[in-house]
Amino acid sequence: MNEIIKPDYIHLHCSLTTKESLFQAASQWAAEAQIIENAEIFLHGLWVREAEFSTGVGDGIAIPHCRLEAIRRPSVFFVHLEQPICWSPDEQVDLVLVLAVPLSNAENTHIKLLSQLARKLIDETFVGQLRSLDKVSDICTLFNDIQL
């Protein structure tokens, strides 16, 4: 996972207050990291996917994601929000994992990423650590233990 989630992709104590602002920030981060050339393309991809059905998975966690030709390499951004935000009418979220997957290897990488993250995110100890750790290096270590 250390090539997919890097220290620069981890955002702790994030003060974003809406899903819209989070998607915009994640799109900008992806462009700055040269994961995608154009932030607007990624932003649009996130909204298209979200329109299919909510990417909130319960327990205050969301995994918005998209697969696009324009994505250069699989990447995950981790966001721990200072305050939960409204993700859907009946769901508040404070932990967000934004997945960016190239369309060319989307099925393999996309399914593996979602599967491994879903397994970890039902582990109460793992989720508790995500919420309590406040050093990027500690979060990196936690994610690097996940095998793809």
C-alpha atoms as a PDB file:
ATOM      1  CA  MET A   1       0.000   0.000   0.000  1.00  0.00           C
ATOM      2  CA  ASN A   2       2.980   2.354   0.455  1.00  0.00           C
ATOM      3  CA  GLU A   3       2.958   3.250  -3.245  1.00  0.00           C
ATOM      4  CA  ILE A   4      -0.782   3.894  -3.201  1.00  0.00           C
ATOM      5  CA  ILE A   5      -1.131   5.935  -0.014  1.00  0.00           C
ATOM      6  CA  LYS A   6       1.813   8.247   0.605  1.00  0.00           C
ATOM      7  CA  PRO A   7       2.370  10.662   3.497  1.00  0.00           C
ATOM      8  CA  ASP A   8       1.347  13.594   1.277  1.00  0.00           C
ATOM      9  CA  TYR A   9      -1.995  11.856   0.674  1.00  0.00           C
ATOM     10  CA  ILE A  10      -2.921  11.863   4.366  1.00  0.00           C
ATOM     11  CA  HIS A  11      -4.891  14.832   5.676  1.00  0.00           C
ATOM     12  CA  LEU A  12      -5.485  14.937   9.431  1.00  0.00           C
ATOM     13  CA  HIS A  13      -7.554  17.466  11.387  1.00  0.00           C
ATOM     14  CA  CYS A  14      -9.107  18.543   8.110  1.00  0.00           C
ATOM     15  CA  SER A  15     -11.518  21.464   8.464  1.00  0.00           C
ATOM     16  CA  LEU A  16     -13.618  20.833   5.350  1.00  0.00           C
ATOM     17  CA  THR A  17     -17.325  21.139   6.123  1.00  0.00           C
ATOM     18  CA  THR A  18     -19.179  19.635   3.141  1.00  0.00           C
ATOM     19  CA  LYS A  19     -18.946  16.717   0.759  1.00  0.00           C
ATOM     20  CA  GLU A  20     -18.608  19.258  -2.052  1.00  0.00           C
ATOM     21  CA  SER A  21     -15.575  20.924  -0.463  1.00  0.00           C
ATOM     22  CA  LEU A  22     -14.020  17.539   0.260  1.00  0.00           C
ATOM     23  CA  PHE A  23     -14.433  16.399  -3.364  1.00  0.00           C
ATOM     24  CA  GLN A  24     -12.952  19.684  -4.577  1.00  0.00           C
ATOM     25  CA  ALA A  25      -9.987  19.392  -2.213  1.00  0.00           C
ATOM     26  CA  ALA A  26      -9.353  15.740  -3.133  1.00  0.00           C
ATOM     27  CA  SER A  27      -9.462  16.645  -6.822  1.00  0.00           C
ATOM     28  CA  GLN A  28      -6.932  19.410  -6.259  1.00  0.00           C
ATOM     29  CA  TRP A  29      -4.688  17.089  -4.224  1.00  0.00           C
ATOM     30  CA  ALA A  30      -4.805  14.502  -7.024  1.00  0.00           C
ATOM     31  CA  ALA A  31      -3.800  17.139  -9.578  1.00  0.00           C
ATOM     32  CA  GLU A  32      -1.002  18.490  -7.355  1.00  0.00           C
ATOM     33  CA  ALA A  33       0.339  14.947  -6.872  1.00  0.00           C
ATOM     34  CA  GLN A  34       0.201  14.469 -10.655  1.00  0.00           C
ATOM     35  CA  ILE A  35      -2.140  11.518 -10.273  1.00  0.00           C
ATOM     36  CA  ILE A  36      -4.376  13.259 -12.770  1.00  0.00           C
ATOM     37  CA  GLU A  37      -3.657  16.162 -15.078  1.00  0.00           C
ATOM     38  CA  ASN A  38      -6.952  17.967 -14.615  1.00  0.00           C
ATOM     39  CA  ALA A  39      -8.667  18.319 -11.239  1.00  0.00           C
ATOM     40  CA  GLU A  40     -12.039  18.987 -12.896  1.00  0.00           C
ATOM     41  CA  ILE A  41     -12.013  15.579 -14.601  1.00  0.00           C
ATOM     42  CA  PHE A  42     -11.452  13.825 -11.271  1.00  0.00           C
ATOM     43  CA  LEU A  43     -14.068  15.972  -9.534  1.00  0.00           C
ATOM     44  CA  HIS A  44     -16.603  15.084 -12.225  1.00  0.00           C
ATOM     45  CA  GLY A  45     -15.707  11.379 -11.900  1.00  0.00           C
ATOM     46  CA  LEU A  46     -16.290  11.449  -8.137  1.00  0.00           C
ATOM     47  CA  TRP A  47     -19.711  13.046  -8.587  1.00  0.00           C
ATOM     48  CA  VAL A  48     -20.728  10.627 -11.363  1.00  0.00           C
ATOM     49  CA  ARG A  49     -19.880   7.690  -9.100  1.00  0.00           C
ATOM     50  CA  GLU A  50     -21.593   9.265  -6.078  1.00  0.00           C
ATOM     51  CA  ALA A  51     -24.758   9.805  -8.148  1.00  0.00           C
ATOM     52  CA  GLU A  52     -25.042   6.020  -8.643  1.00  0.00           C
ATOM     53  CA  PHE A  53     -25.388   5.565  -4.882  1.00  0.00           C
ATOM     54  CA  SER A  54     -23.771   6.949  -1.764  1.00  0.00           C
ATOM     55  CA  THR A  55     -20.220   5.859  -1.026  1.00  0.00           C
ATOM     56  CA  GLY A  56     -20.874   6.133   2.699  1.00  0.00           C
ATOM     57  CA  VAL A  57     -20.285   2.694   4.200  1.00  0.00           C
ATOM     58  CA  GLY A  58     -21.498   3.292   7.761  1.00  0.00           C
ATOM     59  CA  ASP A  59     -19.735   3.945  11.069  1.00  0.00           C
ATOM     60  CA  GLY A  60     -18.863   7.483   9.942  1.00  0.00           C
ATOM     61  CA  ILE A  61     -16.790   6.258   6.977  1.00  0.00           C
ATOM     62  CA  ALA A  62     -17.027   6.990   3.249  1.00  0.00           C
ATOM     63  CA  ILE A  63     -15.028   5.615   0.322  1.00  0.00           C
ATOM     64  CA  PRO A  64     -15.671   7.861  -2.667  1.00  0.00           C
ATOM     65  CA  HIS A  65     -13.887   6.594  -5.743  1.00  0.00           C
ATOM     66  CA  CYS A  66     -13.683   6.754  -9.490  1.00  0.00           C
ATOM     67  CA  ARG A  67     -12.024   4.957 -12.374  1.00  0.00           C
ATOM     68  CA  LEU A  68     -10.845   7.102 -15.245  1.00  0.00           C
ATOM     69  CA  GLU A  69      -8.475   6.821 -18.181  1.00  0.00           C
ATOM     70  CA  ALA A  70      -6.950  10.119 -17.091  1.00  0.00           C
ATOM     71  CA  ILE A  71      -5.770   8.692 -13.742  1.00  0.00           C
ATOM     72  CA  ARG A  72      -2.069   7.858 -14.010  1.00  0.00           C
ATOM     73  CA  ARG A  73      -1.643   5.496 -11.050  1.00  0.00           C
ATOM     74  CA  PRO A  74      -3.770   3.962  -8.298  1.00  0.00           C
ATOM     75  CA  SER A  75      -3.869   6.226  -5.264  1.00  0.00           C
ATOM     76  CA  VAL A  76      -5.726   6.647  -1.991  1.00  0.00           C
ATOM     77  CA  PHE A  77      -6.204   9.875  -0.048  1.00  0.00           C
ATOM     78  CA  PHE A  78      -7.071   9.548   3.635  1.00  0.00           C
ATOM     79  CA  VAL A  79      -8.983  12.386   5.288  1.00  0.00           C
ATOM     80  CA  HIS A  80      -9.798  12.624   8.985  1.00  0.00           C
ATOM     81  CA  LEU A  81     -12.223  15.499   9.400  1.00  0.00           C
ATOM     82  CA  GLU A  82     -12.248  17.696  12.499  1.00  0.00           C
ATOM     83  CA  GLN A  83     -16.047  17.545  12.523  1.00  0.00           C
ATOM     84  CA  PRO A  84     -18.327  15.022  10.812  1.00  0.00           C
ATOM     85  CA  ILE A  85     -19.985  16.231   7.620  1.00  0.00           C
ATOM     86  CA  CYS A  86     -23.322  15.302   6.104  1.00  0.00           C
ATOM     87  CA  TRP A  87     -22.652  12.603   3.505  1.00  0.00           C
ATOM     88  CA  SER A  88     -26.236  11.650   2.822  1.00  0.00           C
ATOM     89  CA  PRO A  89     -29.530  12.615   4.473  1.00  0.00           C
ATOM     90  CA  ASP A  90     -29.044   9.984   7.162  1.00  0.00           C
ATOM     91  CA  GLU A  91     -25.260   9.684   7.385  1.00  0.00           C
ATOM     92  CA  GLN A  92     -22.517  11.767   8.991  1.00  0.00           C
ATOM     93  CA  VAL A  93     -18.904  11.016   8.053  1.00  0.00           C
ATOM     94  CA  ASP A  94     -15.573  11.884   9.681  1.00  0.00           C
ATOM     95  CA  LEU A  95     -13.253   9.367   7.958  1.00  0.00           C
ATOM     96  CA  VAL A  96     -12.915   9.435   4.181  1.00  0.00           C
ATOM     97  CA  LEU A  97     -10.774   7.343   1.846  1.00  0.00           C
ATOM     98  CA  VAL A  98     -10.780   8.761  -1.683  1.00  0.00           C
ATOM     99  CA  LEU A  99      -9.719   6.175  -4.280  1.00  0.00           C
ATOM    100  CA  ALA A 100      -8.363   7.057  -7.713  1.00  0.00           C
ATOM    101  CA  VAL A 101      -7.896   4.118 -10.084  1.00  0.00           C
ATOM    102  CA  PRO A 102      -6.771   4.102 -13.727  1.00  0.00           C
ATOM    103  CA  LEU A 103      -9.367   2.626 -16.047  1.00  0.00           C
ATOM    104  CA  SER A 104      -6.704   0.499 -17.750  1.00  0.00           C
ATOM    105  CA  ASN A 105      -6.256  -1.716 -14.684  1.00  0.00           C
ATOM    106  CA  ALA A 106      -9.427  -0.696 -12.945  1.00  0.00           C
ATOM    107  CA  GLU A 107     -11.036  -4.057 -12.330  1.00  0.00           C
ATOM    108  CA  ASN A 108      -8.050  -5.675 -10.693  1.00  0.00           C
ATOM    109  CA  THR A 109      -6.805  -2.730  -8.630  1.00  0.00           C
ATOM    110  CA  HIS A 110     -10.255  -1.295  -7.909  1.00  0.00           C
ATOM    111  CA  ILE A 111     -11.635  -4.551  -6.540  1.00  0.00           C
ATOM    112  CA  LYS A 112      -8.482  -5.335  -4.536  1.00  0.00           C
ATOM    113  CA  LEU A 113      -8.384  -1.869  -2.990  1.00  0.00           C
ATOM    114  CA  LEU A 114     -12.056  -1.840  -2.067  1.00  0.00           C
ATOM    115  CA  SER A 115     -11.908  -5.388  -0.755  1.00  0.00           C
ATOM    116  CA  GLN A 116      -8.843  -4.886   1.434  1.00  0.00           C
ATOM    117  CA  LEU A 117     -10.026  -1.528   2.753  1.00  0.00           C
ATOM    118  CA  ALA A 118     -13.514  -2.876   3.464  1.00  0.00           C
ATOM    119  CA  ARG A 119     -11.994  -5.733   5.472  1.00  0.00           C
ATOM    120  CA  LYS A 120      -9.938  -3.325   7.547  1.00  0.00           C
ATOM    121  CA  LEU A 121     -12.758  -0.831   8.020  1.00  0.00           C
ATOM    122  CA  ILE A 122     -14.986  -3.388   9.748  1.00  0.00           C
ATOM    123  CA  ASP A 123     -12.198  -3.938  12.285  1.00  0.00           C
ATOM    124  CA  GLU A 124     -13.133  -1.728  15.247  1.00  0.00           C
ATOM    125  CA  THR A 125      -9.523  -1.594  16.444  1.00  0.00           C
ATOM    126  CA  PHE A 126      -8.266  -0.395  13.058  1.00  0.00           C
ATOM    127  CA  VAL A 127     -10.998   2.259  12.783  1.00  0.00           C
ATOM    128  CA  GLY A 128     -10.328   3.363  16.363  1.00  0.00           C
ATOM    129  CA  GLN A 129      -6.665   3.819  15.496  1.00  0.00           C
ATOM    130  CA  LEU A 130      -7.562   5.859  12.411  1.00  0.00           C
ATOM    131  CA  ARG A 131      -9.605   8.160  14.626  1.00  0.00           C
ATOM    132  CA  SER A 132      -7.080   8.439  17.458  1.00  0.00           C
ATOM    133  CA  LEU A 133      -3.687   8.609  15.733  1.00  0.00           C
ATOM    134  CA  ASP A 134      -2.570  12.128  14.948  1.00  0.00           C
ATOM    135  CA  LYS A 135       0.765  11.600  13.216  1.00  0.00           C
ATOM    136  CA  VAL A 136       0.950  11.033   9.473  1.00  0.00           C
ATOM    137  CA  SER A 137       3.749   8.489   9.949  1.00  0.00           C
ATOM    138  CA  ASP A 138       1.549   6.389  12.270  1.00  0.00           C
ATOM    139  CA  ILE A 139      -1.338   6.436   9.783  1.00  0.00           C
ATOM    140  CA  CYS A 140       1.078   5.421   6.996  1.00  0.00           C
ATOM    141  CA  THR A 141       2.292   2.482   9.048  1.00  0.00           C
ATOM    142  CA  LEU A 142      -1.292   1.407   9.676  1.00  0.00           C
ATOM    143  CA  PHE A 143      -2.134   1.451   5.963  1.00  0.00           C
ATOM    144  CA  ASN A 144       1.172  -0.100   4.883  1.00  0.00           C
ATOM    145  CA  ASP A 145       0.254  -3.233   6.827  1.00  0.00           C
ATOM    146  CA  ILE A 146      -2.595  -3.828   4.344  1.00  0.00           C
ATOM    147  CA  GLN A 147      -1.607  -6.276   1.613  1.00  0.00           C
ATOM    148  CA  LEU A 148      -2.859  -5.871  -1.929  1.00  0.00           C
END
